[in-house]
Amino acid sequence: MIVEKKDSISANYMYELVIEVKRTYGQELLSVADTYHLSETIYAKTGKKVSPTTLQRLLGLVKSKSRPFCSTLNILAEYIGYKDWERFCDIQKEIASNDISGKRFIPDYSALVLLNICLKNKSIQSIVDFLDMLYPKYEQNHFFSNNKITTAVSNLLGKYARQDRELARELLPMLAKTERGREYFFESFVDLDYLDDYLIDAFDFYDKHSDGTSTAKGRTEFVFSNSLRLLNHFEKDDMPAFKNLAENVFSTLHPRDITNETCLHLNPVARYSAFWLLYQYVEKKLSDNIIDFFLHRMQEMIDQRTLPNMILMHSLYALHYSKLFEHLITFYENNFSWFSKEPWNDESTTLVNSYAFHAYNVMGKEFPVSSTSLFLPKKDPYFLCSAHYVSQKVEKLTASLKLPVVK
């Protein structure tokens, strides 16, 4: 049995409230501009104001750690047809008690224990049912998400897929059939260490059940799977396969058509854009306009304050292998403030610094940071995928170069 704490229950209800607000509004709410019209619509119906800024935070369009005021929740509850927030919560409790199978929850540590038991016993259907009860990972915002716990769910699935190929063969097709399975495994445990092994084969199942490119979810799935296929061809130096796939995918969906307003998750969008630039380089079609578009698009995504470290890593990857070292150094320096602002806890940290360090040496410039710790991956139990891939990359980038002196 999963025991939910009071804060977790409150967060679940806020998620349900957002779902109902979207349903009542009747249109997609993908951009900051949409919240201005929603604010007007709420005022027209209730005679009460909720600012566009508050709506942006609630919808997860801007990053914030604050929770909404009760007065705001009361207005939104009234907008969707309830007396107030308390009455809305009472109804949700009744729904949950009458329909346990339809109840959704945010995972906590007790839930991880349950998932681990299911995985150990290879209870495939129980694992899928467990994931189906979770909230959508990339549609939930900061009010509802616990990044370390949701990442731990993904890593637990990945750990067993790595270790038990028999389980992986049975489990991955089942995960591919459900949105939660695709979100919490395929799109979260990006296992570059095994990209040319079990993971690349599993993309056939993933693509079969994805939504195409007509929806935000479908576009996210399209750029996710195809950008990793492009990475696989490029890393193996299989240029014929790389160019053939790139021509097909970029003619289907150009990077200019995928933004934070048309996709749910910016990390695969950044990787997709990176390989678009590399495709232009391989085809000898690079121009100032193409480079400027790429740099502007990547900076735009970094400025959204969502995964800036991952987007910076993809940016430097593309600039490095396109031999645009001057642009790489400028882009790195323009975004250097992220190092002091945010605690980076995953593999992107060391790769960003290694690409930059290599570029500085190629251009004969002095690297601005003097600590070898920048090239040592941080050990965090919540981040375990791609460790070998990262260490190989870092070693290759720094092997022939003198590392900075530790002060």
Protein backbone atom coordinates (compact mmCIF):
# COMPACT_ATOMS: atom_id res chain seq x y z
CA MET A 1 0.00 0.00 0.00
CA ILE A 2 1.29 3.46 -0.89
CA VAL A 3 1.01 5.93 1.96
CA GLU A 4 0.64 9.52 0.85
CA LYS A 5 1.65 12.45 2.99
CA LYS A 6 -0.59 15.48 3.31
CA ASP A 7 1.67 17.64 1.09
CA SER A 8 1.68 14.96 -1.57
CA ILE A 9 -2.13 14.77 -1.53
CA SER A 10 -2.39 18.56 -1.80
CA ALA A 11 0.01 18.51 -4.75
CA ASN A 12 -2.08 15.81 -6.44
CA TYR A 13 -5.21 17.91 -6.06
CA MET A 14 -3.46 20.95 -7.50
CA TYR A 15 -2.53 18.88 -10.50
CA GLU A 16 -6.17 17.84 -10.92
CA LEU A 17 -7.17 21.49 -10.62
CA VAL A 18 -4.82 22.47 -13.45
CA ILE A 19 -6.23 19.66 -15.62
CA GLU A 20 -9.77 20.93 -15.01
CA VAL A 21 -8.79 24.54 -15.73
CA LYS A 22 -7.32 23.43 -19.07
CA ARG A 23 -10.45 21.41 -19.85
CA THR A 24 -12.73 24.33 -18.98
CA TYR A 25 -10.64 26.75 -21.04
CA GLY A 26 -10.95 24.37 -23.99
CA GLN A 27 -7.74 25.33 -25.76
CA GLU A 28 -4.08 24.39 -25.46
CA LEU A 29 -2.08 26.41 -22.94
CA LEU A 30 1.46 26.14 -24.28
CA SER A 31 2.85 29.67 -24.19
CA VAL A 32 3.11 32.66 -21.89
CA ALA A 33 0.89 34.60 -24.31
CA ASP A 34 -1.95 32.09 -23.76
CA THR A 35 -2.12 32.96 -20.06
CA TYR A 36 -3.21 36.54 -20.78
CA HIS A 37 -6.33 35.32 -22.56
CA LEU A 38 -6.96 32.72 -19.84
CA SER A 39 -6.71 35.48 -17.21
CA GLU A 40 -9.34 37.50 -19.06
CA THR A 41 -11.57 34.44 -19.42
CA ILE A 42 -11.39 33.72 -15.68
CA TYR A 43 -12.28 37.34 -14.88
CA ALA A 44 -15.22 37.30 -17.31
CA LYS A 45 -16.66 34.18 -15.66
CA THR A 46 -15.95 34.86 -11.97
CA GLY A 47 -15.46 38.62 -11.73
CA LYS A 48 -12.17 37.90 -9.96
CA LYS A 49 -8.62 38.29 -11.21
CA VAL A 50 -5.76 35.83 -11.44
CA SER A 51 -2.71 37.46 -12.97
CA PRO A 52 -1.06 35.99 -16.08
CA THR A 53 2.18 35.70 -14.06
CA THR A 54 0.46 33.54 -11.43
CA LEU A 55 -1.04 31.36 -14.16
CA GLN A 56 2.37 30.98 -15.80
CA ARG A 57 3.81 29.66 -12.53
CA LEU A 58 0.86 27.35 -11.94
CA LEU A 59 1.01 25.94 -15.47
CA GLY A 60 4.76 25.43 -15.25
CA LEU A 61 5.56 27.90 -18.05
CA VAL A 62 8.01 29.74 -15.78
CA LYS A 63 10.08 28.26 -12.98
CA SER A 64 9.16 29.02 -9.39
CA LYS A 65 9.39 27.33 -5.99
CA SER A 66 6.41 29.16 -4.48
CA ARG A 67 2.99 27.62 -4.05
CA PRO A 68 -0.18 29.44 -5.09
CA PHE A 69 -2.20 31.35 -2.47
CA CYS A 70 -5.43 29.78 -1.25
CA SER A 71 -7.31 32.78 -2.70
CA THR A 72 -5.94 31.90 -6.14
CA LEU A 73 -7.00 28.28 -5.76
CA ASN A 74 -10.48 29.42 -4.69
CA ILE A 75 -10.87 31.53 -7.85
CA LEU A 76 -9.70 28.71 -10.11
CA ALA A 77 -12.02 26.25 -8.37
CA GLU A 78 -14.89 28.66 -8.94
CA TYR A 79 -13.87 29.03 -12.60
CA ILE A 80 -14.26 25.28 -13.15
CA GLY A 81 -17.62 25.14 -11.34
CA TYR A 82 -16.91 24.53 -7.65
CA LYS A 83 -17.73 26.68 -4.64
CA ASP A 84 -14.09 26.95 -3.58
CA TRP A 85 -10.80 25.05 -3.30
CA GLU A 86 -11.88 23.14 -0.18
CA ARG A 87 -15.00 21.84 -1.93
CA PHE A 88 -12.90 20.81 -4.95
CA CYS A 89 -10.56 18.82 -2.67
CA ASP A 90 -13.53 17.12 -0.96
CA ILE A 91 -14.84 15.96 -4.33
CA GLN A 92 -11.43 14.63 -5.31
CA LYS A 93 -11.29 12.62 -2.09
CA GLU A 94 -14.67 11.10 -2.91
CA ILE A 95 -13.57 10.23 -6.43
CA ALA A 96 -10.38 8.61 -5.14
CA SER A 97 -12.21 6.55 -2.51
CA ASN A 98 -14.82 5.34 -5.02
CA ASP A 99 -12.36 4.53 -7.82
CA ILE A 100 -9.02 3.37 -6.47
CA SER A 101 -7.94 2.04 -9.88
CA GLY A 102 -8.23 5.50 -11.42
CA LYS A 103 -6.28 7.29 -8.69
CA ARG A 104 -3.03 9.02 -9.64
CA PHE A 105 -0.19 9.80 -7.27
CA ILE A 106 3.24 11.36 -7.02
CA PRO A 107 5.83 8.71 -6.08
CA ASP A 108 7.61 8.78 -2.73
CA TYR A 109 10.20 6.45 -1.18
CA SER A 110 7.62 3.86 -0.17
CA ALA A 111 6.50 3.74 -3.80
CA LEU A 112 10.09 3.04 -4.87
CA VAL A 113 10.16 0.03 -2.52
CA LEU A 114 7.01 -1.29 -4.14
CA LEU A 115 8.39 -0.78 -7.66
CA ASN A 116 11.64 -2.52 -6.69
CA ILE A 117 9.69 -5.57 -5.45
CA CYS A 118 7.74 -5.73 -8.72
CA LEU A 119 10.95 -5.53 -10.75
CA LYS A 120 12.71 -8.21 -8.68
CA ASN A 121 9.76 -10.54 -9.17
CA LYS A 122 9.44 -9.64 -12.87
CA SER A 123 5.79 -8.70 -12.36
CA ILE A 124 5.55 -6.94 -15.72
CA GLN A 125 1.87 -6.02 -15.62
CA SER A 126 2.21 -4.71 -12.05
CA ILE A 127 5.12 -2.50 -13.16
CA VAL A 128 3.08 -1.08 -16.04
CA ASP A 129 0.06 -0.55 -13.78
CA PHE A 130 2.28 1.24 -11.25
CA LEU A 131 3.58 3.65 -13.90
CA ASP A 132 0.10 4.24 -15.33
CA MET A 133 -0.98 5.56 -11.94
CA LEU A 134 1.75 8.23 -11.91
CA TYR A 135 1.19 11.76 -13.10
CA PRO A 136 2.65 12.74 -16.50
CA LYS A 137 6.29 13.58 -15.88
CA TYR A 138 6.75 16.32 -18.47
CA GLU A 139 3.36 17.95 -18.02
CA GLN A 140 3.71 18.39 -14.29
CA ASN A 141 5.31 21.60 -13.08
CA HIS A 142 7.31 22.54 -10.00
CA PHE A 143 4.28 22.40 -7.69
CA PHE A 144 3.86 18.69 -8.22
CA SER A 145 7.24 17.27 -9.17
CA ASN A 146 9.93 15.85 -6.98
CA ASN A 147 12.82 15.63 -9.41
CA LYS A 148 14.96 13.24 -7.40
CA ILE A 149 12.12 10.80 -6.77
CA THR A 150 10.85 10.79 -10.34
CA THR A 151 14.44 10.38 -11.56
CA ALA A 152 14.88 7.52 -9.11
CA VAL A 153 11.85 5.77 -10.66
CA SER A 154 13.49 6.09 -14.08
CA ASN A 155 16.88 4.90 -12.83
CA LEU A 156 15.34 1.90 -11.09
CA LEU A 157 13.71 0.80 -14.34
CA GLY A 158 16.98 1.39 -16.21
CA LYS A 159 19.04 -0.52 -13.65
CA TYR A 160 16.97 -3.67 -14.12
CA ALA A 161 16.84 -3.27 -17.92
CA ARG A 162 20.65 -3.13 -17.97
CA GLN A 163 21.18 -6.09 -15.67
CA ASP A 164 18.49 -8.48 -16.87
CA ARG A 165 18.14 -8.78 -20.65
CA GLU A 166 15.35 -11.33 -20.34
CA LEU A 167 13.36 -8.82 -18.28
CA ALA A 168 14.21 -6.03 -20.72
CA ARG A 169 12.94 -8.01 -23.72
CA GLU A 170 9.60 -8.50 -21.99
CA LEU A 171 9.33 -5.16 -20.19
CA LEU A 172 10.37 -2.58 -22.82
CA PRO A 173 7.60 -3.33 -25.36
CA MET A 174 5.08 -3.01 -22.51
CA LEU A 175 6.57 0.32 -21.38
CA ALA A 176 6.50 1.61 -24.95
CA LYS A 177 2.72 1.06 -25.14
CA THR A 178 1.90 3.58 -22.40
CA GLU A 179 2.58 7.30 -22.07
CA ARG A 180 3.90 6.91 -18.52
CA GLY A 181 6.17 4.09 -19.61
CA ARG A 182 7.59 6.20 -22.43
CA GLU A 183 8.04 9.22 -20.14
CA TYR A 184 9.49 7.48 -17.09
CA PHE A 185 11.79 5.09 -18.93
CA PHE A 186 12.55 5.92 -22.56
CA GLU A 187 12.58 9.71 -22.20
CA SER A 188 14.11 9.79 -18.73
CA PHE A 189 16.71 7.03 -18.60
CA VAL A 190 18.69 8.17 -21.65
CA ASP A 191 21.21 5.37 -21.39
CA LEU A 192 24.01 6.39 -23.76
CA ASP A 193 26.21 3.61 -22.38
CA TYR A 194 23.80 1.13 -24.01
CA LEU A 195 22.62 3.24 -26.92
CA ASP A 196 23.81 0.72 -29.51
CA ASP A 197 22.48 -2.22 -27.52
CA TYR A 198 19.10 -2.81 -25.88
CA LEU A 199 18.01 0.84 -26.06
CA ILE A 200 18.35 1.42 -29.81
CA ASP A 201 16.38 -1.79 -30.49
CA ALA A 202 13.64 -0.64 -28.13
CA PHE A 203 13.02 2.49 -30.22
CA ASP A 204 11.10 0.35 -32.70
CA PHE A 205 8.51 -0.31 -30.00
CA TYR A 206 8.64 3.31 -28.86
CA ASP A 207 7.97 4.73 -32.34
CA LYS A 208 5.18 2.27 -32.99
CA HIS A 209 3.16 3.64 -30.08
CA SER A 210 4.09 7.34 -30.21
CA ASP A 211 1.67 10.07 -31.29
CA GLY A 212 3.20 11.19 -34.59
CA THR A 213 3.98 14.90 -34.98
CA SER A 214 0.53 16.50 -34.80
CA THR A 215 0.58 17.01 -31.02
CA ALA A 216 3.08 18.44 -28.54
CA LYS A 217 3.58 14.98 -27.06
CA GLY A 218 4.06 13.44 -30.50
CA ARG A 219 6.59 16.07 -31.57
CA THR A 220 8.52 15.50 -28.36
CA GLU A 221 8.59 11.75 -28.99
CA PHE A 222 9.64 12.23 -32.63
CA VAL A 223 12.60 14.48 -31.83
CA PHE A 224 13.60 12.30 -28.87
CA SER A 225 13.92 8.99 -30.70
CA ASN A 226 15.34 10.40 -33.93
CA SER A 227 17.93 12.60 -32.25
CA LEU A 228 19.27 9.55 -30.37
CA ARG A 229 19.36 7.54 -33.60
CA LEU A 230 21.33 10.38 -35.19
CA LEU A 231 23.68 10.38 -32.21
CA ASN A 232 24.21 6.65 -32.58
CA HIS A 233 25.11 6.93 -36.28
CA PHE A 234 27.35 9.94 -35.70
CA GLU A 235 29.22 8.37 -32.78
CA LYS A 236 29.88 5.23 -34.85
CA ASP A 237 31.07 7.46 -37.71
CA ASP A 238 28.46 5.90 -40.02
CA MET A 239 28.02 8.99 -42.20
CA PRO A 240 25.86 7.39 -44.93
CA ALA A 241 23.31 6.28 -42.30
CA PHE A 242 23.59 9.63 -40.49
CA LYS A 243 22.96 11.68 -43.63
CA ASN A 244 20.12 9.47 -44.85
CA LEU A 245 18.27 9.65 -41.52
CA ALA A 246 18.98 13.38 -41.09
CA GLU A 247 17.53 14.16 -44.52
CA ASN A 248 14.34 12.30 -43.66
CA VAL A 249 13.77 13.64 -40.15
CA PHE A 250 14.63 17.29 -40.85
CA SER A 251 12.39 17.33 -43.93
CA THR A 252 9.59 16.05 -41.66
CA LEU A 253 10.17 18.49 -38.80
CA HIS A 254 12.55 21.45 -39.03
CA PRO A 255 14.07 22.79 -35.78
CA ARG A 256 12.33 26.12 -36.37
CA ASP A 257 9.01 24.32 -35.84
CA ILE A 258 9.90 22.85 -32.44
CA THR A 259 10.07 25.19 -29.44
CA ASN A 260 9.08 25.24 -25.80
CA GLU A 261 5.60 26.19 -27.02
CA THR A 262 5.14 23.19 -29.33
CA CYS A 263 6.96 20.47 -27.34
CA LEU A 264 6.73 19.28 -23.75
CA HIS A 265 10.40 18.70 -22.97
CA LEU A 266 13.27 20.89 -24.17
CA ASN A 267 16.17 18.47 -23.73
CA PRO A 268 15.37 16.34 -26.82
CA VAL A 269 14.59 19.55 -28.73
CA ALA A 270 18.10 20.81 -27.97
CA ARG A 271 19.68 17.51 -29.01
CA TYR A 272 17.64 17.52 -32.23
CA SER A 273 18.77 21.08 -33.01
CA ALA A 274 22.38 20.10 -32.33
CA PHE A 275 22.27 17.35 -34.92
CA TRP A 276 20.59 19.67 -37.40
CA LEU A 277 23.66 21.93 -37.15
CA LEU A 278 25.98 18.93 -37.52
CA TYR A 279 24.03 17.80 -40.59
CA GLN A 280 24.60 21.22 -42.18
CA TYR A 281 28.31 20.88 -41.37
CA VAL A 282 28.56 17.35 -42.82
CA GLU A 283 26.75 18.48 -45.98
CA LYS A 284 29.03 21.56 -46.19
CA LYS A 285 26.04 23.88 -46.03
CA LEU A 286 27.02 25.91 -42.96
CA SER A 287 26.42 29.63 -43.31
CA ASP A 288 26.34 32.62 -40.97
CA ASN A 289 22.52 32.57 -41.07
CA ILE A 290 22.39 28.90 -40.09
CA ILE A 291 24.90 29.38 -37.26
CA ASP A 292 23.11 32.50 -35.99
CA PHE A 293 19.76 30.69 -36.02
CA PHE A 294 21.24 27.77 -34.07
CA LEU A 295 22.91 29.97 -31.46
CA HIS A 296 19.78 32.09 -31.01
CA ARG A 297 17.53 29.03 -30.67
CA MET A 298 19.77 27.34 -28.10
CA GLN A 299 20.20 30.53 -26.09
CA GLU A 300 16.45 31.02 -26.16
CA MET A 301 15.95 27.58 -24.63
CA ILE A 302 18.65 28.15 -21.99
CA ASP A 303 16.94 31.39 -21.02
CA GLN A 304 13.74 29.45 -20.31
CA ARG A 305 15.56 28.32 -17.11
CA THR A 306 14.67 24.69 -17.89
CA LEU A 307 17.60 22.24 -18.01
CA PRO A 308 20.09 24.97 -19.01
CA ASN A 309 23.01 22.61 -18.30
CA MET A 310 21.73 19.92 -20.67
CA ILE A 311 20.95 22.42 -23.42
CA LEU A 312 24.38 24.01 -23.02
CA MET A 313 25.96 20.54 -23.30
CA HIS A 314 24.13 19.83 -26.58
CA SER A 315 25.07 23.28 -27.90
CA LEU A 316 28.77 22.75 -27.22
CA TYR A 317 28.65 19.23 -28.63
CA ALA A 318 27.39 20.52 -31.98
CA LEU A 319 29.74 23.50 -32.07
CA HIS A 320 32.71 21.29 -31.16
CA TYR A 321 32.16 18.66 -33.86
CA SER A 322 31.31 21.37 -36.40
CA LYS A 323 34.72 22.88 -35.54
CA LEU A 324 33.11 26.22 -34.66
CA PHE A 325 35.52 26.74 -31.77
CA GLU A 326 35.30 30.54 -31.61
CA HIS A 327 31.51 30.35 -31.40
CA LEU A 328 31.82 27.59 -28.79
CA ILE A 329 34.05 29.73 -26.57
CA THR A 330 31.77 32.76 -26.88
CA PHE A 331 28.66 30.70 -26.14
CA TYR A 332 30.37 29.08 -23.14
CA GLU A 333 31.46 32.44 -21.74
CA ASN A 334 28.03 34.00 -22.26
CA ASN A 335 26.48 31.24 -20.17
CA PHE A 336 29.28 30.81 -17.65
CA SER A 337 27.12 32.34 -14.92
CA TRP A 338 25.18 29.07 -14.69
CA PHE A 339 28.18 27.53 -12.96
CA SER A 340 27.82 29.85 -9.99
CA LYS A 341 24.02 29.99 -10.00
CA GLU A 342 23.00 26.36 -10.03
CA PRO A 343 24.33 23.16 -8.48
CA TRP A 344 24.87 20.85 -11.44
CA ASN A 345 24.57 17.24 -10.38
CA ASP A 346 24.69 15.17 -13.53
CA GLU A 347 26.98 14.14 -16.36
CA SER A 348 26.37 17.31 -18.37
CA THR A 349 28.68 19.29 -16.06
CA THR A 350 31.89 17.51 -16.98
CA LEU A 351 31.07 17.37 -20.69
CA VAL A 352 30.35 21.11 -20.89
CA ASN A 353 33.68 21.91 -19.27
CA SER A 354 35.58 19.38 -21.36
CA TYR A 355 34.24 20.65 -24.69
CA ALA A 356 35.08 24.19 -23.62
CA PHE A 357 38.53 23.25 -22.30
CA HIS A 358 39.37 21.52 -25.57
CA ALA A 359 38.19 24.51 -27.63
CA TYR A 360 40.30 26.95 -25.58
CA ASN A 361 43.37 24.79 -26.19
CA VAL A 362 42.68 24.45 -29.91
CA MET A 363 42.42 28.24 -30.18
CA GLY A 364 45.49 28.81 -28.01
CA LYS A 365 43.54 30.56 -25.27
CA GLU A 366 43.81 30.23 -21.51
CA PHE A 367 40.96 28.33 -19.89
CA PRO A 368 39.22 30.69 -17.40
CA VAL A 369 38.70 28.13 -14.62
CA SER A 370 41.54 26.44 -12.75
CA SER A 371 40.14 23.36 -11.06
CA THR A 372 40.44 19.76 -12.22
CA SER A 373 37.26 19.01 -10.25
CA LEU A 374 35.37 20.47 -13.21
CA PHE A 375 36.29 17.33 -15.13
CA LEU A 376 35.30 14.85 -12.42
CA PRO A 377 31.68 13.62 -12.57
CA LYS A 378 29.75 14.28 -9.37
CA LYS A 379 28.69 11.08 -7.65
CA ASP A 380 24.97 11.23 -7.04
CA PRO A 381 22.90 8.04 -6.55
CA TYR A 382 20.03 9.55 -8.52
CA PHE A 383 22.10 9.94 -11.70
CA LEU A 384 23.58 6.67 -12.92
CA CYS A 385 22.99 6.54 -16.69
CA SER A 386 25.72 7.20 -19.25
CA ALA A 387 28.57 7.26 -16.72
CA HIS A 388 30.90 5.22 -18.93
CA TYR A 389 29.97 7.24 -22.03
CA VAL A 390 30.77 10.49 -20.22
CA SER A 391 34.09 9.27 -18.81
CA GLN A 392 35.22 8.15 -22.27
CA LYS A 393 34.24 11.49 -23.79
CA VAL A 394 36.03 13.47 -21.11
CA GLU A 395 39.16 11.29 -21.37
CA LYS A 396 39.26 11.69 -25.15
CA LEU A 397 38.79 15.46 -24.99
CA THR A 398 41.46 16.02 -22.34
CA ALA A 399 43.91 13.15 -22.96
CA SER A 400 46.36 15.08 -25.15
CA LEU A 401 45.95 18.36 -23.28
CA LYS A 402 47.38 19.58 -20.02
CA LEU A 403 44.70 19.89 -17.37
CA PRO A 404 44.47 23.11 -15.33
CA VAL A 405 46.42 23.26 -12.08
CA VAL A 406 44.36 22.90 -8.91
CA LYS A 407 44.58 25.97 -6.70
